[in-house]
C-alpha atoms as a PDB file:
ATOM      1  CA  MET A   1     -16.783   2.445  -7.692  1.00  0.00           C
ATOM      2  CA  GLY A   2     -15.349   4.850  -4.855  1.00  0.00           C
ATOM      3  CA  ALA A   3     -15.668   3.000  -1.899  1.00  0.00           C
ATOM      4  CA  MET A   4     -14.181   0.418  -3.837  1.00  0.00           C
ATOM      5  CA  ASP A   5     -11.185   1.522  -4.584  1.00  0.00           C
ATOM      6  CA  LYS A   6     -10.777   3.176  -1.677  1.00  0.00           C
ATOM      7  CA  LEU A   7     -10.915  -0.234  -0.340  1.00  0.00           C
ATOM      8  CA  LYS A   8      -8.305  -2.231  -1.967  1.00  0.00           C
ATOM      9  CA  ASP A   9      -5.870   1.341  -1.874  1.00  0.00           C
ATOM     10  CA  LYS A  10      -5.744   0.164   2.346  1.00  0.00           C
ATOM     11  CA  ALA A  11      -5.763  -3.494   1.041  1.00  0.00           C
ATOM     12  CA  GLU A  12      -3.013  -2.288  -0.992  1.00  0.00           C
ATOM     13  CA  VAL A  13      -1.254  -0.714   1.843  1.00  0.00           C
ATOM     14  CA  ALA A  14      -1.803  -3.224   4.561  1.00  0.00           C
ATOM     15  CA  GLU A  15      -0.565  -5.799   2.270  1.00  0.00           C
ATOM     16  CA  GLY A  16       2.792  -3.600   1.485  1.00  0.00           C
ATOM     17  CA  GLU A  17       3.556  -3.615   5.857  1.00  0.00           C
ATOM     18  CA  ALA A  18       2.614  -6.703   6.708  1.00  0.00           C
ATOM     19  CA  LYS A  19       5.237  -7.583   3.648  1.00  0.00           C
ATOM     20  CA  GLN A  20       7.909  -5.797   4.945  1.00  0.00           C
ATOM     21  CA  LYS A  21       7.665  -6.672   8.624  1.00  0.00           C
ATOM     22  CA  LEU A  22       8.044 -10.188   7.340  1.00  0.00           C
ATOM     23  CA  GLY A  23      11.227  -9.110   4.913  1.00  0.00           C
ATOM     24  CA  ASP A  24      12.056  -7.209   8.510  1.00  0.00           C
ATOM     25  CA  ALA A  25      11.916 -10.658  10.876  1.00  0.00           C
ATOM     26  CA  THR A  26      13.409 -13.181   7.881  1.00  0.00           C
ATOM     27  CA  ASP A  27      16.040 -10.752   6.962  1.00  0.00           C
ATOM     28  CA  ASN A  28      14.454 -10.739   3.629  1.00  0.00           C
ATOM     29  CA  GLU A  29      15.320  -7.860   1.358  1.00  0.00           C
ATOM     30  CA  GLN A  30      13.869  -8.544  -1.220  1.00  0.00           C
ATOM     31  CA  TRP A  31      10.366  -8.463   0.249  1.00  0.00           C
ATOM     32  CA  GLN A  32      11.800  -5.666   2.401  1.00  0.00           C
ATOM     33  CA  ALA A  33      11.786  -4.087  -0.601  1.00  0.00           C
ATOM     34  CA  GLU A  34       8.303  -4.791  -2.427  1.00  0.00           C
ATOM     35  CA  GLY A  35       6.022  -4.540   0.735  1.00  0.00           C
ATOM     36  CA  LYS A  36       8.096  -0.760   0.896  1.00  0.00           C
ATOM     37  CA  ALA A  37       6.501  -0.420  -3.017  1.00  0.00           C
ATOM     38  CA  ASP A  38       3.309  -1.617  -2.166  1.00  0.00           C
ATOM     39  CA  GLU A  39       2.370   0.380   0.931  1.00  0.00           C
ATOM     40  CA  VAL A  40       3.956   3.918  -1.452  1.00  0.00           C
ATOM     41  CA  LYS A  41       1.709   2.463  -4.419  1.00  0.00           C
ATOM     42  CA  GLY A  42      -0.666   1.884  -1.820  1.00  0.00           C
ATOM     43  CA  ASN A  43      -1.003   5.558  -0.733  1.00  0.00           C
ATOM     44  CA  LEU A  44       0.161   7.634  -4.285  1.00  0.00           C
ATOM     45  CA  LYS A  45      -4.001   5.596  -4.877  1.00  0.00           C
ATOM     46  CA  GLN A  46      -4.631   7.063  -1.580  1.00  0.00           C
ATOM     47  CA  ALA A  47      -3.800  10.231  -2.342  1.00  0.00           C
ATOM     48  CA  GLY A  48      -5.235  10.564  -5.787  1.00  0.00           C
ATOM     49  CA  GLU A  49      -8.313   9.264  -5.122  1.00  0.00           C
ATOM     50  CA  LYS A  50      -8.483  12.353  -2.284  1.00  0.00           C
ATOM     51  CA  VAL A  51      -8.037  14.392  -5.035  1.00  0.00           C
ATOM     52  CA  LYS A  52     -10.987  13.024  -6.917  1.00  0.00           C
ATOM     53  CA  ASP A  53     -12.999  13.799  -3.908  1.00  0.00           C
ATOM     54  CA  ALA A  54     -11.738  17.241  -3.647  1.00  0.00           C
ATOM     55  CA  PHE A  55     -13.419  18.260  -6.653  1.00  0.00           C
END
């Protein structure tokens, strides 16, 4: 289950980055904000997984 969670978290970060870049390209502030939020959420989940792996 841990490996699948890690993949999902990485996918969420990648989706957030893509959404943020699309927002930059189209000058859409909503997409920029959503992309940044998705990216941060994915990074936090990855950090949580790393903590779990340490124990």
